[in-house]
Amino acid sequence: MTNFDTNPIDTYIATYPKETQILLEQVRATIRNAAPEAQETMSYGIPTFKMKRNLVHFAGYKNHIGFYPGASGIANFQRDISAYKSAKGSIQFPIDQAMPLALIERIVAFRVQEEMSKAK
């Protein structure tokens, strides 16, 4: 019998209630779509996408999905995220509302461009 390693992000998402799992998978797919060259990993105990350095993180909580695009991701989308609770490097998307997937995609695309310009 072969022992296949389980993807740690799949394991992480599986620990949440079904409704939250769906939201986490939506966020994950949106990030993957906006940053197809990024690698999935776990960092700080939460799902992370990397392009040499950390690009974005996301995490599940009881009442929200945390999205962590770093300080520049927050600063550049201040107007767009004003309806959500946010801090220097994080945004909280309530789980009782539709995930703002188009906004997440735009923020991730911005972070990809930012990382690519740093790499040059």
C-alpha atoms as a PDB file:
ATOM      1  CA  MET A   1       0.000   0.000   0.000  1.00  0.00           C
ATOM      2  CA  THR A   2       1.436   3.363  -1.052  1.00  0.00           C
ATOM      3  CA  ASN A   3       1.370   6.271   1.383  1.00  0.00           C
ATOM      4  CA  PHE A   4       0.650   9.506  -0.473  1.00  0.00           C
ATOM      5  CA  ASP A   5       1.314  12.799   1.274  1.00  0.00           C
ATOM      6  CA  THR A   6      -1.834  14.817   1.799  1.00  0.00           C
ATOM      7  CA  ASN A   7      -1.667  18.450   0.742  1.00  0.00           C
ATOM      8  CA  PRO A   8      -1.404  20.419   4.012  1.00  0.00           C
ATOM      9  CA  ILE A   9      -3.779  23.102   2.706  1.00  0.00           C
ATOM     10  CA  ASP A  10      -6.409  20.432   1.984  1.00  0.00           C
ATOM     11  CA  THR A  11      -5.917  19.144   5.531  1.00  0.00           C
ATOM     12  CA  TYR A  12      -6.200  22.682   6.943  1.00  0.00           C
ATOM     13  CA  ILE A  13      -9.429  23.431   5.033  1.00  0.00           C
ATOM     14  CA  ALA A  14     -10.941  20.074   6.037  1.00  0.00           C
ATOM     15  CA  THR A  15     -10.869  21.129   9.716  1.00  0.00           C
ATOM     16  CA  TYR A  16     -13.585  23.762   9.121  1.00  0.00           C
ATOM     17  CA  PRO A  17     -17.373  23.416   8.872  1.00  0.00           C
ATOM     18  CA  LYS A  18     -18.606  22.617   5.339  1.00  0.00           C
ATOM     19  CA  GLU A  19     -19.864  26.181   4.689  1.00  0.00           C
ATOM     20  CA  THR A  20     -16.481  27.655   5.647  1.00  0.00           C
ATOM     21  CA  GLN A  21     -14.646  25.019   3.588  1.00  0.00           C
ATOM     22  CA  ILE A  22     -16.538  26.194   0.512  1.00  0.00           C
ATOM     23  CA  LEU A  23     -15.501  29.817   1.131  1.00  0.00           C
ATOM     24  CA  LEU A  24     -11.870  28.843   1.781  1.00  0.00           C
ATOM     25  CA  GLU A  25     -11.794  26.834  -1.463  1.00  0.00           C
ATOM     26  CA  GLN A  26     -13.282  29.811  -3.356  1.00  0.00           C
ATOM     27  CA  VAL A  27     -10.552  32.081  -2.005  1.00  0.00           C
ATOM     28  CA  ARG A  28      -7.878  29.478  -2.778  1.00  0.00           C
ATOM     29  CA  ALA A  29      -9.088  29.016  -6.363  1.00  0.00           C
ATOM     30  CA  THR A  30      -9.253  32.785  -6.876  1.00  0.00           C
ATOM     31  CA  ILE A  31      -5.669  33.213  -5.672  1.00  0.00           C
ATOM     32  CA  ARG A  32      -4.505  30.283  -7.812  1.00  0.00           C
ATOM     33  CA  ASN A  33      -6.223  31.832 -10.854  1.00  0.00           C
ATOM     34  CA  ALA A  34      -4.631  35.245 -10.277  1.00  0.00           C
ATOM     35  CA  ALA A  35      -1.190  33.809  -9.476  1.00  0.00           C
ATOM     36  CA  PRO A  36      -0.857  30.523 -11.379  1.00  0.00           C
ATOM     37  CA  GLU A  37       2.948  30.536 -11.030  1.00  0.00           C
ATOM     38  CA  ALA A  38       2.807  30.879  -7.234  1.00  0.00           C
ATOM     39  CA  GLN A  39       3.485  27.859  -5.035  1.00  0.00           C
ATOM     40  CA  GLU A  40       1.063  26.733  -2.345  1.00  0.00           C
ATOM     41  CA  THR A  41       2.537  26.081   1.066  1.00  0.00           C
ATOM     42  CA  MET A  42       1.792  26.519   4.744  1.00  0.00           C
ATOM     43  CA  SER A  43       3.458  29.398   6.576  1.00  0.00           C
ATOM     44  CA  TYR A  44       2.644  30.734  10.034  1.00  0.00           C
ATOM     45  CA  GLY A  45       0.253  27.770  10.277  1.00  0.00           C
ATOM     46  CA  ILE A  46      -2.010  29.087   7.497  1.00  0.00           C
ATOM     47  CA  PRO A  47      -2.312  28.579   3.719  1.00  0.00           C
ATOM     48  CA  THR A  48       0.214  30.680   1.843  1.00  0.00           C
ATOM     49  CA  PHE A  49       1.040  31.393  -1.778  1.00  0.00           C
ATOM     50  CA  LYS A  50       4.683  32.207  -2.516  1.00  0.00           C
ATOM     51  CA  MET A  51       6.701  33.611  -5.389  1.00  0.00           C
ATOM     52  CA  LYS A  52      10.194  33.345  -3.876  1.00  0.00           C
ATOM     53  CA  ARG A  53       8.718  35.335  -0.958  1.00  0.00           C
ATOM     54  CA  ASN A  54       5.276  35.253   0.615  1.00  0.00           C
ATOM     55  CA  LEU A  55       2.689  36.630  -1.790  1.00  0.00           C
ATOM     56  CA  VAL A  56      -0.573  36.284   0.187  1.00  0.00           C
ATOM     57  CA  HIS A  57      -1.976  34.169   3.015  1.00  0.00           C
ATOM     58  CA  PHE A  58      -5.557  33.269   3.909  1.00  0.00           C
ATOM     59  CA  ALA A  59      -7.160  31.629   6.911  1.00  0.00           C
ATOM     60  CA  GLY A  60     -10.470  30.519   8.315  1.00  0.00           C
ATOM     61  CA  TYR A  61     -11.992  31.808  11.545  1.00  0.00           C
ATOM     62  CA  LYS A  62     -15.324  31.384  13.272  1.00  0.00           C
ATOM     63  CA  ASN A  63     -16.907  34.519  11.789  1.00  0.00           C
ATOM     64  CA  HIS A  64     -14.640  35.558   8.926  1.00  0.00           C
ATOM     65  CA  ILE A  65     -12.047  34.582   6.348  1.00  0.00           C
ATOM     66  CA  GLY A  66      -8.756  36.352   6.958  1.00  0.00           C
ATOM     67  CA  PHE A  67      -6.874  37.536   3.884  1.00  0.00           C
ATOM     68  CA  TYR A  68      -3.288  38.736   4.256  1.00  0.00           C
ATOM     69  CA  PRO A  69      -1.872  40.560   1.219  1.00  0.00           C
ATOM     70  CA  GLY A  70       0.718  42.495   3.232  1.00  0.00           C
ATOM     71  CA  ALA A  71       0.878  46.202   3.923  1.00  0.00           C
ATOM     72  CA  SER A  72       1.195  47.206   0.262  1.00  0.00           C
ATOM     73  CA  GLY A  73      -1.864  45.156  -0.696  1.00  0.00           C
ATOM     74  CA  ILE A  74      -3.856  46.944   1.993  1.00  0.00           C
ATOM     75  CA  ALA A  75      -2.531  50.424   1.203  1.00  0.00           C
ATOM     76  CA  ASN A  76      -3.198  50.161  -2.531  1.00  0.00           C
ATOM     77  CA  PHE A  77      -6.801  49.003  -2.095  1.00  0.00           C
ATOM     78  CA  GLN A  78      -7.828  51.140   0.894  1.00  0.00           C
ATOM     79  CA  ARG A  79     -10.971  52.473  -0.790  1.00  0.00           C
ATOM     80  CA  ASP A  80     -12.019  49.026  -2.049  1.00  0.00           C
ATOM     81  CA  ILE A  81     -11.639  47.372   1.363  1.00  0.00           C
ATOM     82  CA  SER A  82     -13.214  50.186   3.401  1.00  0.00           C
ATOM     83  CA  ALA A  83     -16.385  48.114   3.987  1.00  0.00           C
ATOM     84  CA  TYR A  84     -14.336  45.428   5.774  1.00  0.00           C
ATOM     85  CA  LYS A  85     -12.448  45.305   9.026  1.00  0.00           C
ATOM     86  CA  SER A  86      -8.758  45.611   8.187  1.00  0.00           C
ATOM     87  CA  ALA A  87      -5.379  46.251   9.729  1.00  0.00           C
ATOM     88  CA  LYS A  88      -1.884  46.980   8.407  1.00  0.00           C
ATOM     89  CA  GLY A  89      -1.588  43.668   6.537  1.00  0.00           C
ATOM     90  CA  SER A  90      -4.955  41.936   6.870  1.00  0.00           C
ATOM     91  CA  ILE A  91      -8.602  42.062   5.826  1.00  0.00           C
ATOM     92  CA  GLN A  92     -11.530  40.228   7.420  1.00  0.00           C
ATOM     93  CA  PHE A  93     -14.252  39.026   5.060  1.00  0.00           C
ATOM     94  CA  PRO A  94     -17.376  38.004   7.053  1.00  0.00           C
ATOM     95  CA  ILE A  95     -18.463  34.429   6.366  1.00  0.00           C
ATOM     96  CA  ASP A  96     -22.123  35.434   6.303  1.00  0.00           C
ATOM     97  CA  GLN A  97     -21.516  37.494   3.127  1.00  0.00           C
ATOM     98  CA  ALA A  98     -20.421  36.492  -0.360  1.00  0.00           C
ATOM     99  CA  MET A  99     -16.649  36.487  -0.696  1.00  0.00           C
ATOM    100  CA  PRO A 100     -15.486  39.496  -2.744  1.00  0.00           C
ATOM    101  CA  LEU A 101     -13.626  37.253  -5.191  1.00  0.00           C
ATOM    102  CA  ALA A 102     -13.101  39.940  -7.844  1.00  0.00           C
ATOM    103  CA  LEU A 103     -11.482  42.187  -5.226  1.00  0.00           C
ATOM    104  CA  ILE A 104      -9.281  39.334  -3.969  1.00  0.00           C
ATOM    105  CA  GLU A 105      -8.239  38.618  -7.557  1.00  0.00           C
ATOM    106  CA  ARG A 106      -7.286  42.279  -8.144  1.00  0.00           C
ATOM    107  CA  ILE A 107      -5.270  42.429  -4.929  1.00  0.00           C
ATOM    108  CA  VAL A 108      -3.432  39.193  -5.771  1.00  0.00           C
ATOM    109  CA  ALA A 109      -2.704  40.431  -9.318  1.00  0.00           C
ATOM    110  CA  PHE A 110      -1.273  43.620  -7.801  1.00  0.00           C
ATOM    111  CA  ARG A 111       0.919  41.580  -5.438  1.00  0.00           C
ATOM    112  CA  VAL A 112       2.132  39.383  -8.330  1.00  0.00           C
ATOM    113  CA  GLN A 113       3.157  42.486 -10.298  1.00  0.00           C
ATOM    114  CA  GLU A 114       4.840  43.902  -7.225  1.00  0.00           C
ATOM    115  CA  GLU A 115       6.829  40.699  -6.643  1.00  0.00           C
ATOM    116  CA  MET A 116       7.786  40.411 -10.306  1.00  0.00           C
ATOM    117  CA  SER A 117       9.108  43.980 -10.348  1.00  0.00           C
ATOM    118  CA  LYS A 118      11.131  43.288  -7.169  1.00  0.00           C
ATOM    119  CA  ALA A 119      12.627  40.202  -8.814  1.00  0.00           C
ATOM    120  CA  LYS A 120      14.010  42.225 -11.749  1.00  0.00           C
END
